[in-house]
Amino acid sequence: MRLLRLKKNEDFSEVIRTGKSYVSHLIVLYVKKVDDASPCRVGFSVGKKVGSAVRRNYYKRVLREIVRLHAPRIRPGFDCVVIARPAIQKATFAEVEHHLLTLFARARVLAKEDER
């Protein structure tokens, strides 16, 4: 399944303003239900509290890779914004993956095994 990226500032603002939030100490996930036929779009944001531009870009790549690895399980019809919190700097890839998948599951964005 193809995942598209949220890139426009107004798309980010719309999801954050009208979507539902799910929070862990590493990540905040905003999810907005959209048209069922449209593929899931995901945007990534890492604030300046996380570190230098190099570190922020690294964490965006980590989050993108986690979403890419689990893309077949992500249901269409959602716009999502993933925001990294400063605590992500001390977490391993596996911990970040666990937290992000837990938030996706709580938001009911992940398909169950039999739905694929």
N, C-alpha and C. Protein backbone atom coordinates (compact mmCIF):
# COMPACT_ATOMS: atom_id res chain seq x y z
N MET A 1 0.83 -1.18 0.00
CA MET A 1 0.00 0.00 0.00
C MET A 1 0.88 1.25 0.00
N ARG A 2 0.50 2.23 -0.76
CA ARG A 2 1.27 3.46 -0.87
C ARG A 2 0.86 4.44 0.22
N LEU A 3 1.84 4.97 0.91
CA LEU A 3 1.61 6.02 1.89
C LEU A 3 2.09 7.33 1.31
N LEU A 4 1.31 8.36 1.48
CA LEU A 4 1.69 9.68 1.02
C LEU A 4 2.13 10.51 2.22
N ARG A 5 2.90 11.55 1.96
CA ARG A 5 3.37 12.40 3.04
C ARG A 5 2.53 13.67 3.11
N LEU A 6 2.29 14.14 4.31
CA LEU A 6 1.72 15.47 4.51
C LEU A 6 2.89 16.45 4.44
N LYS A 7 2.79 17.46 3.60
CA LYS A 7 3.90 18.39 3.47
C LYS A 7 3.48 19.85 3.68
N LYS A 8 2.24 20.18 3.33
CA LYS A 8 1.81 21.57 3.41
C LYS A 8 1.50 21.96 4.85
N ASN A 9 1.87 23.19 5.18
CA ASN A 9 1.65 23.71 6.53
C ASN A 9 0.16 23.68 6.89
N GLU A 10 -0.70 24.02 5.93
CA GLU A 10 -2.14 24.04 6.23
C GLU A 10 -2.68 22.63 6.48
N ASP A 11 -2.09 21.61 5.84
CA ASP A 11 -2.49 20.23 6.11
C ASP A 11 -2.11 19.83 7.53
N PHE A 12 -0.89 20.18 7.94
CA PHE A 12 -0.46 19.91 9.32
C PHE A 12 -1.40 20.60 10.31
N SER A 13 -1.65 21.88 10.07
CA SER A 13 -2.50 22.66 10.98
C SER A 13 -3.89 22.08 11.08
N GLU A 14 -4.45 21.66 9.96
CA GLU A 14 -5.80 21.08 9.94
C GLU A 14 -5.86 19.80 10.77
N VAL A 15 -4.88 18.93 10.60
CA VAL A 15 -4.87 17.67 11.35
C VAL A 15 -4.70 17.94 12.84
N ILE A 16 -3.79 18.84 13.20
CA ILE A 16 -3.55 19.13 14.61
C ILE A 16 -4.76 19.82 15.23
N ARG A 17 -5.39 20.72 14.49
CA ARG A 17 -6.53 21.48 15.03
C ARG A 17 -7.78 20.62 15.18
N THR A 18 -8.06 19.76 14.19
CA THR A 18 -9.34 19.03 14.20
C THR A 18 -9.19 17.54 14.50
N GLY A 19 -7.96 17.03 14.51
CA GLY A 19 -7.76 15.60 14.74
C GLY A 19 -7.72 15.25 16.22
N LYS A 20 -7.70 13.96 16.49
CA LYS A 20 -7.61 13.45 17.86
C LYS A 20 -6.14 13.18 18.17
N SER A 21 -5.72 13.46 19.40
CA SER A 21 -4.31 13.27 19.76
C SER A 21 -4.14 12.04 20.64
N TYR A 22 -3.01 11.39 20.45
CA TYR A 22 -2.60 10.23 21.24
C TYR A 22 -1.16 10.51 21.66
N VAL A 23 -0.88 10.34 22.96
CA VAL A 23 0.39 10.81 23.51
C VAL A 23 1.15 9.69 24.21
N SER A 24 2.45 9.63 23.96
CA SER A 24 3.37 8.84 24.78
C SER A 24 4.49 9.80 25.19
N HIS A 25 5.40 9.35 26.02
CA HIS A 25 6.45 10.28 26.45
C HIS A 25 7.48 10.53 25.34
N LEU A 26 7.46 9.74 24.26
CA LEU A 26 8.39 9.94 23.15
C LEU A 26 7.76 10.65 21.96
N ILE A 27 6.45 10.41 21.74
CA ILE A 27 5.81 10.83 20.50
C ILE A 27 4.39 11.33 20.79
N VAL A 28 3.95 12.30 19.99
CA VAL A 28 2.55 12.70 19.96
C VAL A 28 2.03 12.38 18.57
N LEU A 29 0.89 11.72 18.49
CA LEU A 29 0.28 11.36 17.21
C LEU A 29 -1.07 12.05 17.10
N TYR A 30 -1.27 12.80 16.03
CA TYR A 30 -2.57 13.41 15.73
C TYR A 30 -3.15 12.66 14.54
N VAL A 31 -4.42 12.28 14.65
CA VAL A 31 -5.07 11.51 13.60
C VAL A 31 -6.40 12.16 13.24
N LYS A 32 -6.63 12.33 11.95
CA LYS A 32 -7.89 12.87 11.46
C LYS A 32 -8.45 11.92 10.42
N LYS A 33 -9.69 11.52 10.59
CA LYS A 33 -10.36 10.64 9.62
C LYS A 33 -10.73 11.47 8.40
N VAL A 34 -10.41 10.94 7.22
CA VAL A 34 -10.77 11.60 5.96
C VAL A 34 -11.50 10.58 5.08
N ASP A 35 -11.60 10.85 3.82
CA ASP A 35 -12.28 9.96 2.88
C ASP A 35 -11.69 8.55 2.94
N ASP A 36 -12.58 7.53 3.02
CA ASP A 36 -12.14 6.14 3.14
C ASP A 36 -11.29 5.67 1.97
N ALA A 37 -11.50 6.22 0.79
CA ALA A 37 -10.80 5.74 -0.40
C ALA A 37 -9.39 6.32 -0.51
N SER A 38 -9.14 7.43 0.17
CA SER A 38 -7.83 8.06 0.01
C SER A 38 -6.76 7.33 0.81
N PRO A 39 -5.55 7.22 0.26
CA PRO A 39 -4.48 6.55 1.02
C PRO A 39 -4.11 7.37 2.25
N CYS A 40 -3.57 6.71 3.23
CA CYS A 40 -3.15 7.36 4.47
C CYS A 40 -2.00 8.32 4.17
N ARG A 41 -2.10 9.53 4.72
CA ARG A 41 -1.02 10.50 4.58
C ARG A 41 -0.42 10.74 5.96
N VAL A 42 0.91 10.76 6.02
CA VAL A 42 1.60 10.92 7.30
C VAL A 42 2.60 12.05 7.19
N GLY A 43 2.59 12.95 8.17
CA GLY A 43 3.56 14.03 8.25
C GLY A 43 4.39 13.89 9.51
N PHE A 44 5.61 14.38 9.48
CA PHE A 44 6.53 14.23 10.60
C PHE A 44 7.05 15.60 11.01
N SER A 45 7.15 15.81 12.32
CA SER A 45 7.66 17.06 12.85
C SER A 45 8.54 16.78 14.06
N VAL A 46 9.68 17.44 14.09
CA VAL A 46 10.60 17.32 15.22
C VAL A 46 11.00 18.74 15.60
N GLY A 47 10.65 19.16 16.81
CA GLY A 47 10.90 20.52 17.26
C GLY A 47 12.35 20.79 17.61
N LYS A 48 12.66 22.07 17.77
CA LYS A 48 14.04 22.49 18.04
C LYS A 48 14.54 22.04 19.41
N LYS A 49 13.64 21.68 20.32
CA LYS A 49 14.07 21.19 21.63
C LYS A 49 14.77 19.83 21.52
N VAL A 50 14.58 19.15 20.39
CA VAL A 50 15.18 17.83 20.21
C VAL A 50 16.67 17.94 19.89
N GLY A 51 17.11 19.03 19.32
CA GLY A 51 18.54 19.17 19.06
C GLY A 51 18.82 19.94 17.78
N SER A 52 20.03 19.75 17.27
CA SER A 52 20.45 20.45 16.06
C SER A 52 19.67 19.92 14.85
N ALA A 53 19.82 20.61 13.73
CA ALA A 53 19.13 20.20 12.51
C ALA A 53 19.51 18.79 12.10
N VAL A 54 20.76 18.43 12.31
CA VAL A 54 21.22 17.08 11.97
C VAL A 54 20.46 16.04 12.78
N ARG A 55 20.33 16.28 14.09
CA ARG A 55 19.62 15.34 14.97
C ARG A 55 18.12 15.30 14.62
N ARG A 56 17.53 16.45 14.35
CA ARG A 56 16.10 16.49 14.01
C ARG A 56 15.83 15.71 12.73
N ASN A 57 16.69 15.90 11.73
CA ASN A 57 16.52 15.16 10.47
C ASN A 57 16.71 13.67 10.69
N TYR A 58 17.63 13.29 11.56
CA TYR A 58 17.85 11.88 11.88
C TYR A 58 16.56 11.27 12.46
N TYR A 59 15.94 11.95 13.41
CA TYR A 59 14.73 11.39 14.03
C TYR A 59 13.57 11.36 13.04
N LYS A 60 13.50 12.32 12.13
CA LYS A 60 12.47 12.25 11.08
C LYS A 60 12.69 11.04 10.20
N ARG A 61 13.95 10.74 9.87
CA ARG A 61 14.25 9.55 9.06
C ARG A 61 13.88 8.28 9.81
N VAL A 62 14.16 8.23 11.11
CA VAL A 62 13.81 7.06 11.93
C VAL A 62 12.30 6.86 11.91
N LEU A 63 11.54 7.92 12.14
CA LEU A 63 10.08 7.81 12.16
C LEU A 63 9.54 7.40 10.79
N ARG A 64 10.09 7.99 9.72
CA ARG A 64 9.65 7.62 8.36
C ARG A 64 9.93 6.16 8.08
N GLU A 65 11.07 5.66 8.53
CA GLU A 65 11.42 4.26 8.30
C GLU A 65 10.47 3.32 9.05
N ILE A 66 10.11 3.66 10.26
CA ILE A 66 9.17 2.84 11.02
C ILE A 66 7.83 2.79 10.30
N VAL A 67 7.36 3.94 9.83
CA VAL A 67 6.09 3.96 9.10
C VAL A 67 6.21 3.17 7.80
N ARG A 68 7.34 3.30 7.10
CA ARG A 68 7.53 2.55 5.85
C ARG A 68 7.51 1.04 6.09
N LEU A 69 8.16 0.59 7.16
CA LEU A 69 8.20 -0.84 7.46
C LEU A 69 6.82 -1.41 7.76
N HIS A 70 5.96 -0.61 8.33
CA HIS A 70 4.63 -1.08 8.74
C HIS A 70 3.52 -0.55 7.83
N ALA A 71 3.88 0.01 6.69
CA ALA A 71 2.90 0.59 5.76
C ALA A 71 1.80 -0.39 5.33
N PRO A 72 2.11 -1.68 5.10
CA PRO A 72 1.02 -2.58 4.69
C PRO A 72 -0.07 -2.74 5.74
N ARG A 73 0.24 -2.46 7.00
CA ARG A 73 -0.75 -2.60 8.07
C ARG A 73 -1.56 -1.33 8.30
N ILE A 74 -1.16 -0.21 7.70
CA ILE A 74 -1.84 1.06 7.95
C ILE A 74 -3.05 1.19 7.03
N ARG A 75 -4.20 1.42 7.64
CA ARG A 75 -5.45 1.50 6.89
C ARG A 75 -5.56 2.83 6.15
N PRO A 76 -6.21 2.84 4.98
CA PRO A 76 -6.42 4.09 4.26
C PRO A 76 -7.50 4.93 4.94
N GLY A 77 -7.57 6.20 4.56
CA GLY A 77 -8.63 7.06 5.06
C GLY A 77 -8.25 7.89 6.27
N PHE A 78 -6.96 8.05 6.53
CA PHE A 78 -6.52 8.84 7.67
C PHE A 78 -5.42 9.81 7.26
N ASP A 79 -5.40 10.97 7.91
CA ASP A 79 -4.26 11.88 7.86
C ASP A 79 -3.65 11.87 9.25
N CYS A 80 -2.34 11.69 9.33
CA CYS A 80 -1.66 11.59 10.62
C CYS A 80 -0.48 12.56 10.67
N VAL A 81 -0.25 13.12 11.85
CA VAL A 81 0.93 13.93 12.10
C VAL A 81 1.65 13.31 13.29
N VAL A 82 2.92 12.99 13.10
CA VAL A 82 3.75 12.39 14.15
C VAL A 82 4.74 13.46 14.62
N ILE A 83 4.68 13.79 15.91
CA ILE A 83 5.56 14.81 16.47
C ILE A 83 6.47 14.15 17.50
N ALA A 84 7.77 14.29 17.30
CA ALA A 84 8.75 13.72 18.24
C ALA A 84 8.92 14.67 19.42
N ARG A 85 8.99 14.09 20.61
CA ARG A 85 9.23 14.86 21.82
C ARG A 85 10.72 14.73 22.20
N PRO A 86 11.23 15.64 23.03
CA PRO A 86 12.67 15.61 23.36
C PRO A 86 13.16 14.28 23.93
N ALA A 87 12.30 13.52 24.60
CA ALA A 87 12.72 12.25 25.19
C ALA A 87 13.14 11.23 24.13
N ILE A 88 12.81 11.47 22.87
CA ILE A 88 13.15 10.53 21.80
C ILE A 88 14.68 10.39 21.67
N GLN A 89 15.41 11.40 22.13
CA GLN A 89 16.87 11.38 22.01
C GLN A 89 17.52 10.25 22.81
N LYS A 90 16.86 9.81 23.87
CA LYS A 90 17.43 8.77 24.72
C LYS A 90 16.87 7.39 24.42
N ALA A 91 15.99 7.29 23.43
CA ALA A 91 15.32 6.02 23.12
C ALA A 91 16.03 5.29 21.99
N THR A 92 15.91 3.96 22.01
CA THR A 92 16.44 3.14 20.93
C THR A 92 15.42 3.07 19.80
N PHE A 93 15.86 2.57 18.65
CA PHE A 93 14.95 2.40 17.52
C PHE A 93 13.76 1.52 17.92
N ALA A 94 14.04 0.43 18.63
CA ALA A 94 12.98 -0.51 19.03
C ALA A 94 11.97 0.17 19.96
N GLU A 95 12.44 1.02 20.86
CA GLU A 95 11.52 1.72 21.77
C GLU A 95 10.65 2.70 21.00
N VAL A 96 11.25 3.44 20.08
CA VAL A 96 10.49 4.39 19.26
C VAL A 96 9.45 3.64 18.43
N GLU A 97 9.87 2.52 17.84
CA GLU A 97 8.95 1.71 17.04
C GLU A 97 7.78 1.22 17.88
N HIS A 98 8.08 0.72 19.08
CA HIS A 98 7.03 0.22 19.98
C HIS A 98 6.03 1.33 20.32
N HIS A 99 6.54 2.51 20.68
CA HIS A 99 5.66 3.62 21.05
C HIS A 99 4.80 4.07 19.87
N LEU A 100 5.41 4.19 18.69
CA LEU A 100 4.65 4.64 17.52
C LEU A 100 3.57 3.64 17.13
N LEU A 101 3.91 2.35 17.14
CA LEU A 101 2.92 1.33 16.79
C LEU A 101 1.81 1.26 17.84
N THR A 102 2.15 1.46 19.10
CA THR A 102 1.13 1.49 20.15
C THR A 102 0.16 2.64 19.93
N LEU A 103 0.69 3.82 19.58
CA LEU A 103 -0.18 4.97 19.32
C LEU A 103 -1.05 4.73 18.08
N PHE A 104 -0.48 4.17 17.02
CA PHE A 104 -1.27 3.85 15.83
C PHE A 104 -2.38 2.85 16.17
N ALA A 105 -2.07 1.87 17.00
CA ALA A 105 -3.08 0.88 17.39
C ALA A 105 -4.18 1.53 18.22
N ARG A 106 -3.81 2.41 19.16
CA ARG A 106 -4.81 3.10 19.97
C ARG A 106 -5.72 3.97 19.11
N ALA A 107 -5.16 4.53 18.04
CA ALA A 107 -5.93 5.38 17.13
C ALA A 107 -6.73 4.55 16.12
N ARG A 108 -6.55 3.24 16.16
CA ARG A 108 -7.22 2.31 15.24
C ARG A 108 -6.86 2.59 13.78
N VAL A 109 -5.61 2.96 13.57
CA VAL A 109 -5.10 3.21 12.22
C VAL A 109 -4.49 1.93 11.65
N LEU A 110 -3.99 1.06 12.52
CA LEU A 110 -3.42 -0.21 12.07
C LEU A 110 -4.52 -1.22 11.81
N ALA A 111 -4.40 -1.92 10.69
CA ALA A 111 -5.35 -2.98 10.37
C ALA A 111 -5.02 -4.21 11.21
N LYS A 112 -6.04 -4.95 11.57
CA LYS A 112 -5.82 -6.21 12.27
C LYS A 112 -5.24 -7.21 11.29
N GLU A 113 -4.65 -8.27 11.80
CA GLU A 113 -3.99 -9.27 10.94
C GLU A 113 -4.92 -9.83 9.87
N ASP A 114 -6.19 -10.07 10.21
CA ASP A 114 -7.12 -10.68 9.25
C ASP A 114 -7.70 -9.66 8.26
N GLU A 115 -7.48 -8.36 8.47
CA GLU A 115 -8.00 -7.33 7.57
C GLU A 115 -7.09 -7.08 6.38
N ARG A 116 -5.84 -7.52 6.47
CA ARG A 116 -4.88 -7.22 5.40
C ARG A 116 -5.21 -7.88 4.15
